[in-house]
PDB file of N, CA and C in Angstrom:
ATOM      1  N   UNK A   1      80.627  55.039 157.392  1.00  0.00           N
ATOM      2  CA  UNK A   1      79.680  55.915 156.752  1.00  0.00           C
ATOM      3  C   UNK A   1      79.803  55.759 155.231  1.00  0.00           C
ATOM      4  N   UNK A   2      78.673  55.671 154.570  1.00  0.00           N
ATOM      5  CA  UNK A   2      78.654  55.514 153.117  1.00  0.00           C
ATOM      6  C   UNK A   2      78.841  56.865 152.437  1.00  0.00           C
ATOM      7  N   UNK A   3      79.646  56.843 151.382  1.00  0.00           N
ATOM      8  CA  UNK A   3      79.781  58.043 150.550  1.00  0.00           C
ATOM      9  C   UNK A   3      78.464  58.272 149.818  1.00  0.00           C
ATOM     10  N   UNK A   4      78.269  59.489 149.387  1.00  0.00           N
ATOM     11  CA  UNK A   4      77.079  59.772 148.592  1.00  0.00           C
ATOM     12  C   UNK A   4      77.226  59.066 147.248  1.00  0.00           C
ATOM     13  N   UNK A   5      76.111  58.655 146.721  1.00  0.00           N
ATOM     14  CA  UNK A   5      76.105  57.944 145.439  1.00  0.00           C
ATOM     15  C   UNK A   5      76.597  58.879 144.330  1.00  0.00           C
ATOM     16  N   UNK A   6      77.571  58.438 143.537  1.00  0.00           N
ATOM     17  CA  UNK A   6      78.046  59.272 142.424  1.00  0.00           C
ATOM     18  C   UNK A   6      76.935  59.504 141.399  1.00  0.00           C
ATOM     19  N   UNK A   7      77.024  60.606 140.728  1.00  0.00           N
ATOM     20  CA  UNK A   7      76.068  60.921 139.677  1.00  0.00           C
ATOM     21  C   UNK A   7      76.352  60.047 138.461  1.00  0.00           C
ATOM     22  N   UNK A   8      75.299  59.499 137.893  1.00  0.00           N
ATOM     23  CA  UNK A   8      75.445  58.698 136.674  1.00  0.00           C
ATOM     24  C   UNK A   8      75.897  59.628 135.543  1.00  0.00           C
ATOM     25  N   UNK A   9      76.804  59.161 134.680  1.00  0.00           N
ATOM     26  CA  UNK A   9      77.275  60.019 133.590  1.00  0.00           C
ATOM     27  C   UNK A   9      76.153  60.492 132.667  1.00  0.00           C
ATOM     28  N   UNK A  10      75.098  59.707 132.542  1.00  0.00           N
ATOM     29  CA  UNK A  10      73.978  60.131 131.707  1.00  0.00           C
ATOM     30  C   UNK A  10      73.311  61.391 132.223  1.00  0.00           C
ATOM     31  N   UNK A  11      73.238  61.516 133.545  1.00  0.00           N
ATOM     32  CA  UNK A  11      72.654  62.714 134.141  1.00  0.00           C
ATOM     33  C   UNK A  11      73.530  63.931 133.845  1.00  0.00           C
ATOM     34  N   UNK A  12      74.836  63.759 133.973  1.00  0.00           N
ATOM     35  CA  UNK A  12      75.774  64.860 133.670  1.00  0.00           C
ATOM     36  C   UNK A  12      75.704  65.243 132.185  1.00  0.00           C
ATOM     37  N   UNK A  13      75.595  64.228 131.331  1.00  0.00           N
ATOM     38  CA  UNK A  13      75.520  64.507 129.900  1.00  0.00           C
ATOM     39  C   UNK A  13      74.246  65.285 129.581  1.00  0.00           C
ATOM     40  N   UNK A  14      73.139  64.892 130.174  1.00  0.00           N
ATOM     41  CA  UNK A  14      71.876  65.599 129.948  1.00  0.00           C
ATOM     42  C   UNK A  14      71.994  67.054 130.393  1.00  0.00           C
ATOM     43  N   UNK A  15      72.655  67.293 131.535  1.00  0.00           N
ATOM     44  CA  UNK A  15      72.875  68.663 132.005  1.00  0.00           C
ATOM     45  C   UNK A  15      73.685  69.454 130.979  1.00  0.00           C
ATOM     46  N   UNK A  16      74.741  68.837 130.456  1.00  0.00           N
ATOM     47  CA  UNK A  16      75.571  69.502 129.452  1.00  0.00           C
ATOM     48  C   UNK A  16      74.729  69.884 128.234  1.00  0.00           C
ATOM     49  N   UNK A  17      73.965  68.931 127.738  1.00  0.00           N
ATOM     50  CA  UNK A  17      73.152  69.163 126.544  1.00  0.00           C
ATOM     51  C   UNK A  17      72.187  70.317 126.782  1.00  0.00           C
ATOM     52  N   UNK A  18      71.497  70.299 127.907  1.00  0.00           N
ATOM     53  CA  UNK A  18      70.534  71.362 128.209  1.00  0.00           C
ATOM     54  C   UNK A  18      71.223  72.711 128.368  1.00  0.00           C
ATOM     55  N   UNK A  19      72.392  72.716 129.008  1.00  0.00           N
ATOM     56  CA  UNK A  19      73.135  73.972 129.183  1.00  0.00           C
ATOM     57  C   UNK A  19      73.614  74.555 127.856  1.00  0.00           C
ATOM     58  N   UNK A  20      73.724  73.722 126.841  1.00  0.00           N
ATOM     59  CA  UNK A  20      74.107  74.183 125.503  1.00  0.00           C
ATOM     60  C   UNK A  20      72.891  74.640 124.694  1.00  0.00           C
ATOM     61  N   UNK A  21      71.709  74.551 125.301  1.00  0.00           N
ATOM     62  CA  UNK A  21      70.490  74.946 124.613  1.00  0.00           C
ATOM     63  C   UNK A  21      70.010  73.917 123.609  1.00  0.00           C
ATOM     64  N   UNK A  22      70.441  72.674 123.802  1.00  0.00           N
ATOM     65  CA  UNK A  22      70.065  71.594 122.893  1.00  0.00           C
ATOM     66  C   UNK A  22      69.077  70.653 123.563  1.00  0.00           C
ATOM     67  N   UNK A  23      68.646  69.662 122.819  1.00  0.00           N
ATOM     68  CA  UNK A  23      67.828  68.586 123.360  1.00  0.00           C
ATOM     69  C   UNK A  23      68.513  67.261 123.019  1.00  0.00           C
ATOM     70  N   UNK A  24      68.135  66.218 123.743  1.00  0.00           N
ATOM     71  CA  UNK A  24      68.784  64.918 123.590  1.00  0.00           C
ATOM     72  C   UNK A  24      68.706  64.411 122.155  1.00  0.00           C
ATOM     73  N   UNK A  25      67.582  64.628 121.491  1.00  0.00           N
ATOM     74  CA  UNK A  25      67.454  64.115 120.120  1.00  0.00           C
ATOM     75  C   UNK A  25      68.456  64.775 119.179  1.00  0.00           C
ATOM     76  N   UNK A  26      68.717  66.045 119.357  1.00  0.00           N
ATOM     77  CA  UNK A  26      69.702  66.742 118.523  1.00  0.00           C
ATOM     78  C   UNK A  26      71.099  66.201 118.808  1.00  0.00           C
ATOM     79  N   UNK A  27      71.418  66.004 120.088  1.00  0.00           N
ATOM     80  CA  UNK A  27      72.724  65.449 120.464  1.00  0.00           C
ATOM     81  C   UNK A  27      72.894  64.050 119.880  1.00  0.00           C
ATOM     82  N   UNK A  28      71.848  63.244 119.963  1.00  0.00           N
ATOM     83  CA  UNK A  28      71.919  61.876 119.437  1.00  0.00           C
ATOM     84  C   UNK A  28      72.229  61.890 117.945  1.00  0.00           C
ATOM     85  N   UNK A  29      71.510  62.675 117.216  1.00  0.00           N
ATOM     86  CA  UNK A  29      71.723  62.739 115.768  1.00  0.00           C
ATOM     87  C   UNK A  29      73.111  63.276 115.432  1.00  0.00           C
ATOM     88  N   UNK A  30      73.583  64.254 116.186  1.00  0.00           N
ATOM     89  CA  UNK A  30      74.911  64.830 115.937  1.00  0.00           C
ATOM     90  C   UNK A  30      76.021  63.807 116.154  1.00  0.00           C
ATOM     91  N   UNK A  31      75.783  62.841 117.046  1.00  0.00           N
ATOM     92  CA  UNK A  31      76.797  61.825 117.341  1.00  0.00           C
ATOM     93  C   UNK A  31      76.572  60.523 116.589  1.00  0.00           C
ATOM     94  N   UNK A  32      75.504  60.456 115.808  1.00  0.00           N
ATOM     95  CA  UNK A  32      75.245  59.255 115.020  1.00  0.00           C
ATOM     96  C   UNK A  32      74.525  58.148 115.772  1.00  0.00           C
ATOM     97  N   UNK A  33      73.801  58.506 116.829  1.00  0.00           N
ATOM     98  CA  UNK A  33      73.035  57.520 117.598  1.00  0.00           C
ATOM     99  C   UNK A  33      71.551  57.664 117.320  1.00  0.00           C
ATOM    100  N   UNK A  34      70.828  56.566 117.518  1.00  0.00           N
ATOM    101  CA  UNK A  34      69.373  56.655 117.539  1.00  0.00           C
ATOM    102  C   UNK A  34      68.994  57.382 118.826  1.00  0.00           C
ATOM    103  N   UNK A  35      67.942  58.153 118.790  1.00  0.00           N
ATOM    104  CA  UNK A  35      67.516  58.911 119.965  1.00  0.00           C
ATOM    105  C   UNK A  35      67.281  57.971 121.139  1.00  0.00           C
ATOM    106  N   UNK A  36      66.602  56.856 120.917  1.00  0.00           N
ATOM    107  CA  UNK A  36      66.302  55.911 121.997  1.00  0.00           C
ATOM    108  C   UNK A  36      67.578  55.349 122.613  1.00  0.00           C
ATOM    109  N   UNK A  37      68.578  55.101 121.789  1.00  0.00           N
ATOM    110  CA  UNK A  37      69.845  54.554 122.275  1.00  0.00           C
ATOM    111  C   UNK A  37      70.519  55.526 123.253  1.00  0.00           C
ATOM    112  N   UNK A  38      70.548  56.797 122.904  1.00  0.00           N
ATOM    113  CA  UNK A  38      71.137  57.799 123.796  1.00  0.00           C
ATOM    114  C   UNK A  38      70.254  58.014 125.016  1.00  0.00           C
ATOM    115  N   UNK A  39      68.951  58.039 124.810  1.00  0.00           N
ATOM    116  CA  UNK A  39      68.009  58.255 125.913  1.00  0.00           C
ATOM    117  C   UNK A  39      68.179  57.182 126.992  1.00  0.00           C
ATOM    118  N   UNK A  40      68.401  55.933 126.598  1.00  0.00           N
ATOM    119  CA  UNK A  40      68.569  54.845 127.569  1.00  0.00           C
ATOM    120  C   UNK A  40      69.752  55.100 128.497  1.00  0.00           C
ATOM    121  N   UNK A  41      70.853  55.582 127.951  1.00  0.00           N
ATOM    122  CA  UNK A  41      72.027  55.862 128.784  1.00  0.00           C
ATOM    123  C   UNK A  41      71.779  57.096 129.642  1.00  0.00           C
ATOM    124  N   UNK A  42      71.162  58.111 129.080  1.00  0.00           N
ATOM    125  CA  UNK A  42      70.825  59.301 129.860  1.00  0.00           C
ATOM    126  C   UNK A  42      69.917  58.920 131.026  1.00  0.00           C
ATOM    127  N   UNK A  43      69.063  57.935 130.820  1.00  0.00           N
ATOM    128  CA  UNK A  43      68.134  57.492 131.865  1.00  0.00           C
ATOM    129  C   UNK A  43      68.731  56.470 132.828  1.00  0.00           C
ATOM    130  N   UNK A  44      70.023  56.127 132.675  1.00  0.00           N
ATOM    131  CA  UNK A  44      70.669  55.278 133.670  1.00  0.00           C
ATOM    132  C   UNK A  44      71.280  53.983 133.198  1.00  0.00           C
ATOM    133  N   UNK A  45      71.148  53.649 131.919  1.00  0.00           N
ATOM    134  CA  UNK A  45      71.811  52.441 131.413  1.00  0.00           C
ATOM    135  C   UNK A  45      73.325  52.668 131.432  1.00  0.00           C
ATOM    136  N   UNK A  46      74.106  51.597 131.492  1.00  0.00           N
ATOM    137  CA  UNK A  46      75.566  51.754 131.526  1.00  0.00           C
ATOM    138  C   UNK A  46      76.117  52.438 130.270  1.00  0.00           C
ATOM    139  N   UNK A  47      77.124  53.258 130.482  1.00  0.00           N
ATOM    140  CA  UNK A  47      77.814  53.957 129.403  1.00  0.00           C
ATOM    141  C   UNK A  47      78.937  53.078 128.877  1.00  0.00           C
ATOM    142  N   UNK A  48      78.935  52.812 127.583  1.00  0.00           N
ATOM    143  CA  UNK A  48      80.013  52.011 126.981  1.00  0.00           C
ATOM    144  C   UNK A  48      81.233  52.894 126.737  1.00  0.00           C
ATOM    145  N   UNK A  49      82.377  52.262 126.587  1.00  0.00           N
ATOM    146  CA  UNK A  49      83.598  53.011 126.286  1.00  0.00           C
ATOM    147  C   UNK A  49      83.473  53.712 124.936  1.00  0.00           C
ATOM    148  N   UNK A  50      82.783  53.093 123.988  1.00  0.00           N
ATOM    149  CA  UNK A  50      82.590  53.703 122.672  1.00  0.00           C
ATOM    150  C   UNK A  50      81.746  54.970 122.771  1.00  0.00           C
ATOM    151  N   UNK A  51      80.686  54.912 123.569  1.00  0.00           N
ATOM    152  CA  UNK A  51      79.852  56.091 123.730  1.00  0.00           C
ATOM    153  C   UNK A  51      80.598  57.155 124.532  1.00  0.00           C
ATOM    154  N   UNK A  52      81.377  56.743 125.516  1.00  0.00           N
ATOM    155  CA  UNK A  52      82.179  57.702 126.293  1.00  0.00           C
ATOM    156  C   UNK A  52      83.126  58.465 125.372  1.00  0.00           C
ATOM    157  N   UNK A  53      83.672  57.769 124.384  1.00  0.00           N
ATOM    158  CA  UNK A  53      84.567  58.427 123.431  1.00  0.00           C
ATOM    159  C   UNK A  53      83.821  59.494 122.631  1.00  0.00           C
ATOM    160  N   UNK A  54      82.633  59.162 122.164  1.00  0.00           N
ATOM    161  CA  UNK A  54      81.849  60.140 121.399  1.00  0.00           C
ATOM    162  C   UNK A  54      81.402  61.303 122.276  1.00  0.00           C
ATOM    163  N   UNK A  55      81.068  61.003 123.528  1.00  0.00           N
ATOM    164  CA  UNK A  55      80.681  62.072 124.443  1.00  0.00           C
ATOM    165  C   UNK A  55      81.852  63.011 124.694  1.00  0.00           C
ATOM    166  N   UNK A  56      83.051  62.450 124.815  1.00  0.00           N
ATOM    167  CA  UNK A  56      84.235  63.277 125.009  1.00  0.00           C
ATOM    168  C   UNK A  56      84.443  64.237 123.854  1.00  0.00           C
ATOM    169  N   UNK A  57      84.274  63.741 122.652  1.00  0.00           N
ATOM    170  CA  UNK A  57      84.414  64.590 121.463  1.00  0.00           C
ATOM    171  C   UNK A  57      83.310  65.639 121.436  1.00  0.00           C
ATOM    172  N   UNK A  58      82.074  65.221 121.676  1.00  0.00           N
ATOM    173  CA  UNK A  58      80.918  66.119 121.615  1.00  0.00           C
ATOM    174  C   UNK A  58      81.009  67.234 122.648  1.00  0.00           C
ATOM    175  N   UNK A  59      81.541  66.910 123.832  1.00  0.00           N
ATOM    176  CA  UNK A  59      81.598  67.885 124.929  1.00  0.00           C
ATOM    177  C   UNK A  59      82.959  68.566 125.051  1.00  0.00           C
ATOM    178  N   UNK A  60      83.880  68.225 124.166  1.00  0.00           N
ATOM    179  CA  UNK A  60      85.245  68.754 124.205  1.00  0.00           C
ATOM    180  C   UNK A  60      85.907  68.458 125.554  1.00  0.00           C
ATOM    181  N   UNK A  61      85.693  67.221 126.021  1.00  0.00           N
ATOM    182  CA  UNK A  61      86.331  66.740 127.244  1.00  0.00           C
ATOM    183  C   UNK A  61      87.101  65.475 126.871  1.00  0.00           C
ATOM    184  N   UNK A  62      87.143  64.500 127.767  1.00  0.00           N
ATOM    185  CA  UNK A  62      87.883  63.273 127.469  1.00  0.00           C
ATOM    186  C   UNK A  62      87.006  62.043 127.621  1.00  0.00           C
ATOM    187  N   UNK A  63      87.393  61.017 126.902  1.00  0.00           N
ATOM    188  CA  UNK A  63      86.751  59.711 127.059  1.00  0.00           C
ATOM    189  C   UNK A  63      86.866  59.265 128.506  1.00  0.00           C
ATOM    190  N   UNK A  64      88.057  59.426 129.070  1.00  0.00           N
ATOM    191  CA  UNK A  64      88.327  58.963 130.430  1.00  0.00           C
ATOM    192  C   UNK A  64      87.425  59.628 131.456  1.00  0.00           C
ATOM    193  N   UNK A  65      87.176  60.924 131.295  1.00  0.00           N
ATOM    194  CA  UNK A  65      86.334  61.610 132.282  1.00  0.00           C
ATOM    195  C   UNK A  65      84.937  61.004 132.322  1.00  0.00           C
ATOM    196  N   UNK A  66      84.384  60.717 131.157  1.00  0.00           N
ATOM    197  CA  UNK A  66      83.046  60.121 131.105  1.00  0.00           C
ATOM    198  C   UNK A  66      83.064  58.676 131.586  1.00  0.00           C
ATOM    199  N   UNK A  67      84.047  57.918 131.146  1.00  0.00           N
ATOM    200  CA  UNK A  67      84.087  56.507 131.535  1.00  0.00           C
ATOM    201  C   UNK A  67      84.381  56.350 133.022  1.00  0.00           C
ATOM    202  N   UNK A  68      85.232  57.209 133.572  1.00  0.00           N
ATOM    203  CA  UNK A  68      85.516  57.151 135.007  1.00  0.00           C
ATOM    204  C   UNK A  68      84.276  57.439 135.843  1.00  0.00           C
ATOM    205  N   UNK A  69      83.391  58.301 135.347  1.00  0.00           N
ATOM    206  CA  UNK A  69      82.121  58.535 136.043  1.00  0.00           C
ATOM    207  C   UNK A  69      81.311  57.244 136.111  1.00  0.00           C
ATOM    208  N   UNK A  70      81.295  56.496 134.999  1.00  0.00           N
ATOM    209  CA  UNK A  70      80.555  55.230 134.976  1.00  0.00           C
ATOM    210  C   UNK A  70      81.176  54.224 135.930  1.00  0.00           C
ATOM    211  N   UNK A  71      82.502  54.144 135.946  1.00  0.00           N
ATOM    212  CA  UNK A  71      83.195  53.212 136.842  1.00  0.00           C
ATOM    213  C   UNK A  71      82.887  53.553 138.296  1.00  0.00           C
ATOM    214  N   UNK A  72      82.953  54.832 138.658  1.00  0.00           N
ATOM    215  CA  UNK A  72      82.660  55.248 140.034  1.00  0.00           C
ATOM    216  C   UNK A  72      81.218  54.904 140.402  1.00  0.00           C
ATOM    217  N   UNK A  73      80.303  55.124 139.469  1.00  0.00           N
ATOM    218  CA  UNK A  73      78.895  54.805 139.700  1.00  0.00           C
ATOM    219  C   UNK A  73      78.716  53.306 139.916  1.00  0.00           C
ATOM    220  N   UNK A  74      79.332  52.499 139.052  1.00  0.00           N
ATOM    221  CA  UNK A  74      79.229  51.039 139.158  1.00  0.00           C
ATOM    222  C   UNK A  74      79.839  50.524 140.451  1.00  0.00           C
ATOM    223  N   UNK A  75      80.998  51.046 140.824  1.00  0.00           N
ATOM    224  CA  UNK A  75      81.652  50.600 142.056  1.00  0.00           C
ATOM    225  C   UNK A  75      80.797  50.913 143.275  1.00  0.00           C
ATOM    226  N   UNK A  76      80.187  52.098 143.294  1.00  0.00           N
ATOM    227  CA  UNK A  76      79.316  52.460 144.408  1.00  0.00           C
ATOM    228  C   UNK A  76      78.133  51.493 144.481  1.00  0.00           C
ATOM    229  N   UNK A  77      77.551  51.198 143.335  1.00  0.00           N
ATOM    230  CA  UNK A  77      76.415  50.268 143.294  1.00  0.00           C
ATOM    231  C   UNK A  77      76.808  48.903 143.858  1.00  0.00           C
ATOM    232  N   UNK A  78      77.966  48.394 143.471  1.00  0.00           N
ATOM    233  CA  UNK A  78      78.424  47.085 143.945  1.00  0.00           C
ATOM    234  C   UNK A  78      78.636  47.103 145.451  1.00  0.00           C
ATOM    235  N   UNK A  79      79.225  48.166 145.968  1.00  0.00           N
ATOM    236  CA  UNK A  79      79.566  48.244 147.385  1.00  0.00           C
ATOM    237  C   UNK A  79      78.388  48.582 148.289  1.00  0.00           C
ATOM    238  N   UNK A  80      77.340  49.186 147.738  1.00  0.00           N
ATOM    239  CA  UNK A  80      76.280  49.722 148.588  1.00  0.00           C
ATOM    240  C   UNK A  80      74.886  49.176 148.330  1.00  0.00           C
ATOM    241  N   UNK A  81      74.749  48.259 147.435  1.00  0.00           N
ATOM    242  CA  UNK A  81      73.406  47.728 147.157  1.00  0.00           C
ATOM    243  C   UNK A  81      73.243  46.378 147.803  1.00  0.00           C
TER     244      UNK A  81
END
């Protein structure tokens, strides 16, 4: 039986941003990214370790938590596609 597909870290990040009463463009500017650059990852592009580090700081979590979400997502894709 296949495990359920892990949530992409971009989806979790978007939830965090919305729960803080913000929008993606504000988050992007606060972290020094172009809005389109952040939007691409929120929409499913792979999360880099550098962006995971900034997300950890922005969300007061860890780089590892964000990057591990990406690894789990990628591993599921490899095993189930």
